[in-house]
Full PDB file with SEQRES, HELIX, SHEET, SSBOND, CRYST1, ORIGX, SCALE, CONECT and MASTER records, all heavy atoms in Angstrom:
SEQRES   1 A   29  GLY ASP ARG LYS ILE HIS VAL LEU ALA GLU GLY ARG LEU          
SEQRES   2 A   29  VAL ASN LEU ALA VAL PRO LYS GLY MET GLY HIS PRO ILE          
SEQRES   3 A   29  GLU VAL MET                                                  
HELIX    1 AA1 ALA A    9  GLY A   11  5                                   3    
HELIX    2 AA2 VAL A   14  ALA A   17  1                                   4    
CRYST1    1.000    1.000    1.000  90.00  90.00  90.00 P 1           1          
ORIGX1      1.000000  0.000000  0.000000        0.00000                         
ORIGX2      0.000000  1.000000  0.000000        0.00000                         
ORIGX3      0.000000  0.000000  1.000000        0.00000                         
SCALE1      1.000000  0.000000  0.000000        0.00000                         
SCALE2      0.000000  1.000000  0.000000        0.00000                         
SCALE3      0.000000  0.000000  1.000000        0.00000                         
ATOM      1  N   GLY A   1      -0.325   9.679  27.663  1.00  0.00           N  
ATOM      2  CA  GLY A   1      -0.693  11.034  27.254  1.00  0.00           C  
ATOM      3  C   GLY A   1      -2.030  11.034  26.547  1.00  0.00           C  
ATOM      4  O   GLY A   1      -3.048  10.631  27.129  1.00  0.00           O  
ATOM      5  N   ASP A   2      -2.028  11.455  25.283  1.00  0.00           N  
ATOM      6  CA  ASP A   2      -3.286  11.502  24.523  1.00  0.00           C  
ATOM      7  C   ASP A   2      -3.461  10.274  23.626  1.00  0.00           C  
ATOM      8  O   ASP A   2      -4.308  10.266  22.742  1.00  0.00           O  
ATOM      9  CB  ASP A   2      -3.355  12.783  23.694  1.00  0.00           C  
ATOM     10  CG  ASP A   2      -2.199  12.905  22.699  1.00  0.00           C  
ATOM     11  OD1 ASP A   2      -1.284  12.045  22.728  1.00  0.00           O  
ATOM     12  OD2 ASP A   2      -2.217  13.851  21.895  1.00  0.00           O  
ATOM     13  N   ARG A   3      -2.654   9.224  23.842  1.00  0.00           N  
ATOM     14  CA  ARG A   3      -2.749   8.002  23.039  1.00  0.00           C  
ATOM     15  C   ARG A   3      -3.170   6.815  23.892  1.00  0.00           C  
ATOM     16  O   ARG A   3      -2.843   6.730  25.069  1.00  0.00           O  
ATOM     17  CB  ARG A   3      -1.391   7.657  22.401  1.00  0.00           C  
ATOM     18  CG  ARG A   3      -0.921   8.596  21.331  1.00  0.00           C  
ATOM     19  CD  ARG A   3       0.365   8.044  20.686  1.00  0.00           C  
ATOM     20  NE  ARG A   3       1.367   7.705  21.699  1.00  0.00           N  
ATOM     21  CZ  ARG A   3       1.982   6.530  21.777  1.00  0.00           C  
ATOM     22  NH1 ARG A   3       1.697   5.565  20.916  1.00  0.00           N  
ATOM     23  NH2 ARG A   3       2.895   6.302  22.707  1.00  0.00           N  
ATOM     24  N   LYS A   4      -3.874   5.906  23.266  1.00  0.00           N  
ATOM     25  CA  LYS A   4      -4.203   4.636  23.893  1.00  0.00           C  
ATOM     26  C   LYS A   4      -3.695   3.492  23.015  1.00  0.00           C  
ATOM     27  O   LYS A   4      -3.841   3.525  21.788  1.00  0.00           O  
ATOM     28  CB  LYS A   4      -5.717   4.488  24.092  1.00  0.00           C  
ATOM     29  CG  LYS A   4      -6.271   5.114  25.357  1.00  0.00           C  
ATOM     30  CD  LYS A   4      -7.757   4.790  25.498  1.00  0.00           C  
ATOM     31  CE  LYS A   4      -8.299   5.128  26.876  1.00  0.00           C  
ATOM     32  NZ  LYS A   4      -7.990   6.480  27.336  1.00  0.00           N  
ATOM     33  N   ILE A   5      -3.122   2.486  23.652  1.00  0.00           N  
ATOM     34  CA  ILE A   5      -2.729   1.244  22.984  1.00  0.00           C  
ATOM     35  C   ILE A   5      -3.495   0.117  23.653  1.00  0.00           C  
ATOM     36  O   ILE A   5      -3.510   0.011  24.884  1.00  0.00           O  
ATOM     37  CB  ILE A   5      -1.208   1.000  23.107  1.00  0.00           C  
ATOM     38  CG1 ILE A   5      -0.434   2.068  22.344  1.00  0.00           C  
ATOM     39  CG2 ILE A   5      -0.843  -0.392  22.592  1.00  0.00           C  
ATOM     40  CD1 ILE A   5       1.066   1.987  22.543  1.00  0.00           C  
ATOM     41  N   HIS A   6      -4.144  -0.726  22.852  1.00  0.00           N  
ATOM     42  CA  HIS A   6      -4.971  -1.802  23.392  1.00  0.00           C  
ATOM     43  C   HIS A   6      -4.301  -3.158  23.145  1.00  0.00           C  
ATOM     44  O   HIS A   6      -3.871  -3.450  22.025  1.00  0.00           O  
ATOM     45  CB  HIS A   6      -6.352  -1.794  22.736  1.00  0.00           C  
ATOM     46  CG  HIS A   6      -7.026  -0.465  22.774  1.00  0.00           C  
ATOM     47  ND1 HIS A   6      -7.506   0.099  23.928  1.00  0.00           N  
ATOM     48  CD2 HIS A   6      -7.287   0.431  21.770  1.00  0.00           C  
ATOM     49  CE1 HIS A   6      -8.047   1.265  23.661  1.00  0.00           C  
ATOM     50  NE2 HIS A   6      -7.934   1.493  22.356  1.00  0.00           N  
ATOM     51  N   VAL A   7      -4.224  -3.990  24.174  1.00  0.00           N  
ATOM     52  CA  VAL A   7      -3.654  -5.338  24.065  1.00  0.00           C  
ATOM     53  C   VAL A   7      -4.745  -6.353  24.370  1.00  0.00           C  
ATOM     54  O   VAL A   7      -5.441  -6.241  25.390  1.00  0.00           O  
ATOM     55  CB  VAL A   7      -2.472  -5.535  25.038  1.00  0.00           C  
ATOM     56  CG1 VAL A   7      -1.935  -6.966  24.944  1.00  0.00           C  
ATOM     57  CG2 VAL A   7      -1.359  -4.540  24.730  1.00  0.00           C  
ATOM     58  N   LEU A   8      -4.894  -7.347  23.497  1.00  0.00           N  
ATOM     59  CA  LEU A   8      -5.904  -8.379  23.676  1.00  0.00           C  
ATOM     60  C   LEU A   8      -5.331  -9.583  24.413  1.00  0.00           C  
ATOM     61  O   LEU A   8      -4.187  -9.980  24.180  1.00  0.00           O  
ATOM     62  CB  LEU A   8      -6.454  -8.831  22.313  1.00  0.00           C  
ATOM     63  CG  LEU A   8      -6.964  -7.731  21.364  1.00  0.00           C  
ATOM     64  CD1 LEU A   8      -7.599  -8.378  20.129  1.00  0.00           C  
ATOM     65  CD2 LEU A   8      -7.947  -6.803  22.048  1.00  0.00           C  
ATOM     66  N   ALA A   9      -6.121 -10.142  25.307  1.00  0.00           N  
ATOM     67  CA  ALA A   9      -5.822 -11.415  25.986  1.00  0.00           C  
ATOM     68  C   ALA A   9      -4.496 -11.399  26.740  1.00  0.00           C  
ATOM     69  O   ALA A   9      -3.825 -12.428  26.853  1.00  0.00           O  
ATOM     70  CB  ALA A   9      -5.828 -12.564  24.976  1.00  0.00           C  
ATOM     71  N   GLU A  10      -4.116 -10.228  27.261  1.00  0.00           N  
ATOM     72  CA  GLU A  10      -2.875 -10.093  28.039  1.00  0.00           C  
ATOM     73  C   GLU A  10      -1.640 -10.471  27.226  1.00  0.00           C  
ATOM     74  O   GLU A  10      -0.598 -10.829  27.769  1.00  0.00           O  
ATOM     75  CB  GLU A  10      -2.926 -10.944  29.315  1.00  0.00           C  
ATOM     76  CG  GLU A  10      -4.094 -10.608  30.230  1.00  0.00           C  
ATOM     77  CD  GLU A  10      -4.175 -11.537  31.439  1.00  0.00           C  
ATOM     78  OE1 GLU A  10      -3.224 -12.326  31.649  1.00  0.00           O  
ATOM     79  OE2 GLU A  10      -5.169 -11.463  32.163  1.00  0.00           O  
ATOM     80  N   GLY A  11      -1.761 -10.430  25.908  1.00  0.00           N  
ATOM     81  CA  GLY A  11      -0.651 -10.826  25.057  1.00  0.00           C  
ATOM     82  C   GLY A  11      -0.532 -12.325  24.883  1.00  0.00           C  
ATOM     83  O   GLY A  11       0.429 -12.819  24.286  1.00  0.00           O  
ATOM     84  N   ARG A  12      -1.511 -13.075  25.413  1.00  0.00           N  
ATOM     85  CA  ARG A  12      -1.505 -14.529  25.256  1.00  0.00           C  
ATOM     86  C   ARG A  12      -2.159 -14.913  23.930  1.00  0.00           C  
ATOM     87  O   ARG A  12      -2.606 -14.062  23.174  1.00  0.00           O  
ATOM     88  CB  ARG A  12      -2.215 -15.183  26.445  1.00  0.00           C  
ATOM     89  CG  ARG A  12      -1.547 -14.891  27.785  1.00  0.00           C  
ATOM     90  CD  ARG A  12      -2.211 -15.661  28.913  1.00  0.00           C  
ATOM     91  NE  ARG A  12      -1.643 -15.291  30.212  1.00  0.00           N  
ATOM     92  CZ  ARG A  12      -0.529 -15.815  30.711  1.00  0.00           C  
ATOM     93  NH1 ARG A  12       0.137 -16.725  30.026  1.00  0.00           N  
ATOM     94  NH2 ARG A  12      -0.074 -15.437  31.896  1.00  0.00           N  
ATOM     95  N   LEU A  13      -2.217 -16.207  23.688  1.00  0.00           N  
ATOM     96  CA  LEU A  13      -2.724 -16.744  22.430  1.00  0.00           C  
ATOM     97  C   LEU A  13      -4.150 -16.243  22.175  1.00  0.00           C  
ATOM     98  O   LEU A  13      -5.101 -16.714  22.805  1.00  0.00           O  
ATOM     99  CB  LEU A  13      -2.686 -18.269  22.509  1.00  0.00           C  
ATOM    100  CG  LEU A  13      -2.836 -19.083  21.242  1.00  0.00           C  
ATOM    101  CD1 LEU A  13      -1.717 -18.763  20.256  1.00  0.00           C  
ATOM    102  CD2 LEU A  13      -2.835 -20.556  21.575  1.00  0.00           C  
ATOM    103  N   VAL A  14      -4.310 -15.323  21.237  1.00  0.00           N  
ATOM    104  CA  VAL A  14      -5.555 -14.562  21.132  1.00  0.00           C  
ATOM    105  C   VAL A  14      -6.752 -15.422  20.751  1.00  0.00           C  
ATOM    106  O   VAL A  14      -7.879 -15.173  21.204  1.00  0.00           O  
ATOM    107  CB  VAL A  14      -5.393 -13.386  20.143  1.00  0.00           C  
ATOM    108  CG1 VAL A  14      -5.259 -13.874  18.702  1.00  0.00           C  
ATOM    109  CG2 VAL A  14      -6.549 -12.393  20.271  1.00  0.00           C  
ATOM    110  N   ASN A  15      -6.537 -16.453  19.947  1.00  0.00           N  
ATOM    111  CA  ASN A  15      -7.685 -17.226  19.470  1.00  0.00           C  
ATOM    112  C   ASN A  15      -8.311 -18.084  20.563  1.00  0.00           C  
ATOM    113  O   ASN A  15      -9.428 -18.565  20.411  1.00  0.00           O  
ATOM    114  CB  ASN A  15      -7.294 -18.090  18.269  1.00  0.00           C  
ATOM    115  CG  ASN A  15      -6.268 -19.146  18.600  1.00  0.00           C  
ATOM    116  OD1 ASN A  15      -5.564 -19.054  19.597  1.00  0.00           O  
ATOM    117  ND2 ASN A  15      -6.174 -20.158  17.763  1.00  0.00           N  
ATOM    118  N   LEU A  16      -7.595 -18.264  21.670  1.00  0.00           N  
ATOM    119  CA  LEU A  16      -8.122 -19.069  22.766  1.00  0.00           C  
ATOM    120  C   LEU A  16      -8.271 -18.301  24.074  1.00  0.00           C  
ATOM    121  O   LEU A  16      -9.104 -18.646  24.912  1.00  0.00           O  
ATOM    122  CB  LEU A  16      -7.214 -20.282  23.013  1.00  0.00           C  
ATOM    123  CG  LEU A  16      -7.410 -21.471  22.067  1.00  0.00           C  
ATOM    124  CD1 LEU A  16      -6.175 -22.338  22.041  1.00  0.00           C  
ATOM    125  CD2 LEU A  16      -8.626 -22.278  22.479  1.00  0.00           C  
ATOM    126  N   ALA A  17      -7.451 -17.282  24.284  1.00  0.00           N  
ATOM    127  CA  ALA A  17      -7.370 -16.642  25.595  1.00  0.00           C  
ATOM    128  C   ALA A  17      -8.369 -15.520  25.811  1.00  0.00           C  
ATOM    129  O   ALA A  17      -8.624 -15.142  26.961  1.00  0.00           O  
ATOM    130  CB  ALA A  17      -5.949 -16.120  25.833  1.00  0.00           C  
ATOM    131  N   VAL A  18      -8.939 -14.938  24.749  1.00  0.00           N  
ATOM    132  CA  VAL A  18      -9.988 -13.943  24.957  1.00  0.00           C  
ATOM    133  C   VAL A  18     -11.262 -14.664  25.392  1.00  0.00           C  
ATOM    134  O   VAL A  18     -11.452 -15.851  25.089  1.00  0.00           O  
ATOM    135  CB  VAL A  18     -10.262 -13.111  23.683  1.00  0.00           C  
ATOM    136  CG1 VAL A  18      -9.075 -12.241  23.334  1.00  0.00           C  
ATOM    137  CG2 VAL A  18     -10.662 -13.991  22.512  1.00  0.00           C  
ATOM    138  N   PRO A  19     -12.159 -13.976  26.125  1.00  0.00           N  
ATOM    139  CA  PRO A  19     -13.375 -14.655  26.609  1.00  0.00           C  
ATOM    140  C   PRO A  19     -14.194 -15.337  25.516  1.00  0.00           C  
ATOM    141  O   PRO A  19     -14.806 -16.372  25.760  1.00  0.00           O  
ATOM    142  CB  PRO A  19     -14.158 -13.510  27.255  1.00  0.00           C  
ATOM    143  CG  PRO A  19     -13.108 -12.554  27.729  1.00  0.00           C  
ATOM    144  CD  PRO A  19     -12.036 -12.600  26.667  1.00  0.00           C  
ATOM    145  N   LYS A  20     -14.199 -14.778  24.304  1.00  0.00           N  
ATOM    146  CA  LYS A  20     -14.978 -15.365  23.217  1.00  0.00           C  
ATOM    147  C   LYS A  20     -14.130 -16.226  22.277  1.00  0.00           C  
ATOM    148  O   LYS A  20     -14.589 -16.640  21.220  1.00  0.00           O  
ATOM    149  CB  LYS A  20     -15.679 -14.270  22.429  1.00  0.00           C  
ATOM    150  CG  LYS A  20     -16.715 -13.500  23.255  1.00  0.00           C  
ATOM    151  CD  LYS A  20     -17.404 -12.434  22.433  1.00  0.00           C  
ATOM    152  CE  LYS A  20     -18.431 -11.667  23.272  1.00  0.00           C  
ATOM    153  NZ  LYS A  20     -19.098 -10.591  22.507  1.00  0.00           N  
ATOM    154  N   GLY A  21     -12.902 -16.524  22.687  1.00  0.00           N  
ATOM    155  CA  GLY A  21     -12.021 -17.323  21.836  1.00  0.00           C  
ATOM    156  C   GLY A  21     -12.436 -18.782  21.804  1.00  0.00           C  
ATOM    157  O   GLY A  21     -12.599 -19.410  22.845  1.00  0.00           O  
ATOM    158  N   MET A  22     -12.585 -19.340  20.617  1.00  0.00           N  
ATOM    159  CA  MET A  22     -13.012 -20.728  20.456  1.00  0.00           C  
ATOM    160  C   MET A  22     -11.885 -21.623  19.945  1.00  0.00           C  
ATOM    161  O   MET A  22     -12.066 -22.819  19.757  1.00  0.00           O  
ATOM    162  CB  MET A  22     -14.200 -20.803  19.488  1.00  0.00           C  
ATOM    163  CG  MET A  22     -15.454 -20.105  19.990  1.00  0.00           C  
ATOM    164  SD  MET A  22     -16.091 -20.839  21.509  1.00  0.00           S  
ATOM    165  CE  MET A  22     -16.643 -22.422  20.895  1.00  0.00           C  
ATOM    166  N   GLY A  23     -10.703 -21.034  19.688  1.00  0.00           N  
ATOM    167  CA  GLY A  23      -9.620 -21.830  19.142  1.00  0.00           C  
ATOM    168  C   GLY A  23      -9.820 -22.147  17.674  1.00  0.00           C  
ATOM    169  O   GLY A  23     -10.704 -21.588  17.013  1.00  0.00           O  
ATOM    170  N   HIS A  24      -8.994 -23.028  17.167  1.00  0.00           N  
ATOM    171  CA  HIS A  24      -9.051 -23.393  15.748  1.00  0.00           C  
ATOM    172  C   HIS A  24     -10.409 -24.012  15.398  1.00  0.00           C  
ATOM    173  O   HIS A  24     -11.032 -24.677  16.231  1.00  0.00           O  
ATOM    174  CB  HIS A  24      -7.965 -24.403  15.411  1.00  0.00           C  
ATOM    175  CG  HIS A  24      -6.588 -23.811  15.364  1.00  0.00           C  
ATOM    176  ND1 HIS A  24      -6.334 -22.479  15.591  1.00  0.00           N  
ATOM    177  CD2 HIS A  24      -5.381 -24.390  15.112  1.00  0.00           C  
ATOM    178  CE1 HIS A  24      -5.040 -22.255  15.472  1.00  0.00           C  
ATOM    179  NE2 HIS A  24      -4.441 -23.394  15.195  1.00  0.00           N  
ATOM    180  N   PRO A  25     -10.856 -23.835  14.157  1.00  0.00           N  
ATOM    181  CA  PRO A  25     -12.097 -24.466  13.715  1.00  0.00           C  
ATOM    182  C   PRO A  25     -12.053 -25.984  13.918  1.00  0.00           C  
ATOM    183  O   PRO A  25     -10.995 -26.614  13.840  1.00  0.00           O  
ATOM    184  CB  PRO A  25     -12.172 -24.112  12.224  1.00  0.00           C  
ATOM    185  CG  PRO A  25     -11.389 -22.839  12.108  1.00  0.00           C  
ATOM    186  CD  PRO A  25     -10.279 -22.973  13.097  1.00  0.00           C  
ATOM    187  N   ILE A  26     -13.213 -26.568  14.158  1.00  0.00           N  
ATOM    188  CA  ILE A  26     -13.322 -27.982  14.502  1.00  0.00           C  
ATOM    189  C   ILE A  26     -12.695 -28.872  13.431  1.00  0.00           C  
ATOM    190  O   ILE A  26     -11.924 -29.792  13.739  1.00  0.00           O  
ATOM    191  CB  ILE A  26     -14.806 -28.371  14.698  1.00  0.00           C  
ATOM    192  CG1 ILE A  26     -15.420 -27.575  15.865  1.00  0.00           C  
ATOM    193  CG2 ILE A  26     -14.946 -29.866  14.947  1.00  0.00           C  
ATOM    194  CD1 ILE A  26     -16.933 -27.693  15.943  1.00  0.00           C  
ATOM    195  N   GLU A  27     -13.021 -28.616  12.149  1.00  0.00           N  
ATOM    196  CA  GLU A  27     -12.544 -29.499  11.087  1.00  0.00           C  
ATOM    197  C   GLU A  27     -11.021 -29.514  11.006  1.00  0.00           C  
ATOM    198  O   GLU A  27     -10.411 -30.530  10.654  1.00  0.00           O  
ATOM    199  CB  GLU A  27     -13.126 -29.072   9.738  1.00  0.00           C  
ATOM    200  CG  GLU A  27     -14.634 -29.211   9.639  1.00  0.00           C  
ATOM    201  CD  GLU A  27     -15.379 -27.936  10.024  1.00  0.00           C  
ATOM    202  OE1 GLU A  27     -14.786 -27.089  10.742  1.00  0.00           O  
ATOM    203  OE2 GLU A  27     -16.537 -27.783   9.617  1.00  0.00           O  
ATOM    204  N   VAL A  28     -10.399 -28.382  11.324  1.00  0.00           N  
ATOM    205  CA  VAL A  28      -8.942 -28.304  11.324  1.00  0.00           C  
ATOM    206  C   VAL A  28      -8.362 -29.161  12.443  1.00  0.00           C  
ATOM    207  O   VAL A  28      -7.421 -29.939  12.249  1.00  0.00           O  
ATOM    208  CB  VAL A  28      -8.484 -26.837  11.462  1.00  0.00           C  
ATOM    209  CG1 VAL A  28      -7.015 -26.767  11.864  1.00  0.00           C  
ATOM    210  CG2 VAL A  28      -8.690 -26.091  10.153  1.00  0.00           C  
ATOM    211  N   MET A  29      -8.933 -29.040  13.631  1.00  0.00           N  
ATOM    212  CA  MET A  29      -8.410 -29.801  14.764  1.00  0.00           C  
ATOM    213  C   MET A  29      -8.717 -31.290  14.636  1.00  0.00           C  
ATOM    214  O   MET A  29      -8.035 -32.116  15.253  1.00  0.00           O  
ATOM    215  CB  MET A  29      -8.967 -29.255  16.075  1.00  0.00           C  
ATOM    216  CG  MET A  29      -8.466 -27.854  16.415  1.00  0.00           C  
ATOM    217  SD  MET A  29      -6.676 -27.641  16.226  1.00  0.00           S  
ATOM    218  CE  MET A  29      -6.046 -28.839  17.396  1.00  0.00           C  
TER     219      MET A  29                                                      
MASTER        0    0    0    2    0    0    0    6  218    1    0    3          
END                                                                             
């Protein structure tokens, strides 16, 4: 109707699955 709902990365792991996702910071990994 008059509402929009936005889902990122198809509902997958957002920190890695979006085009600009880099995953966890290097020092952590």
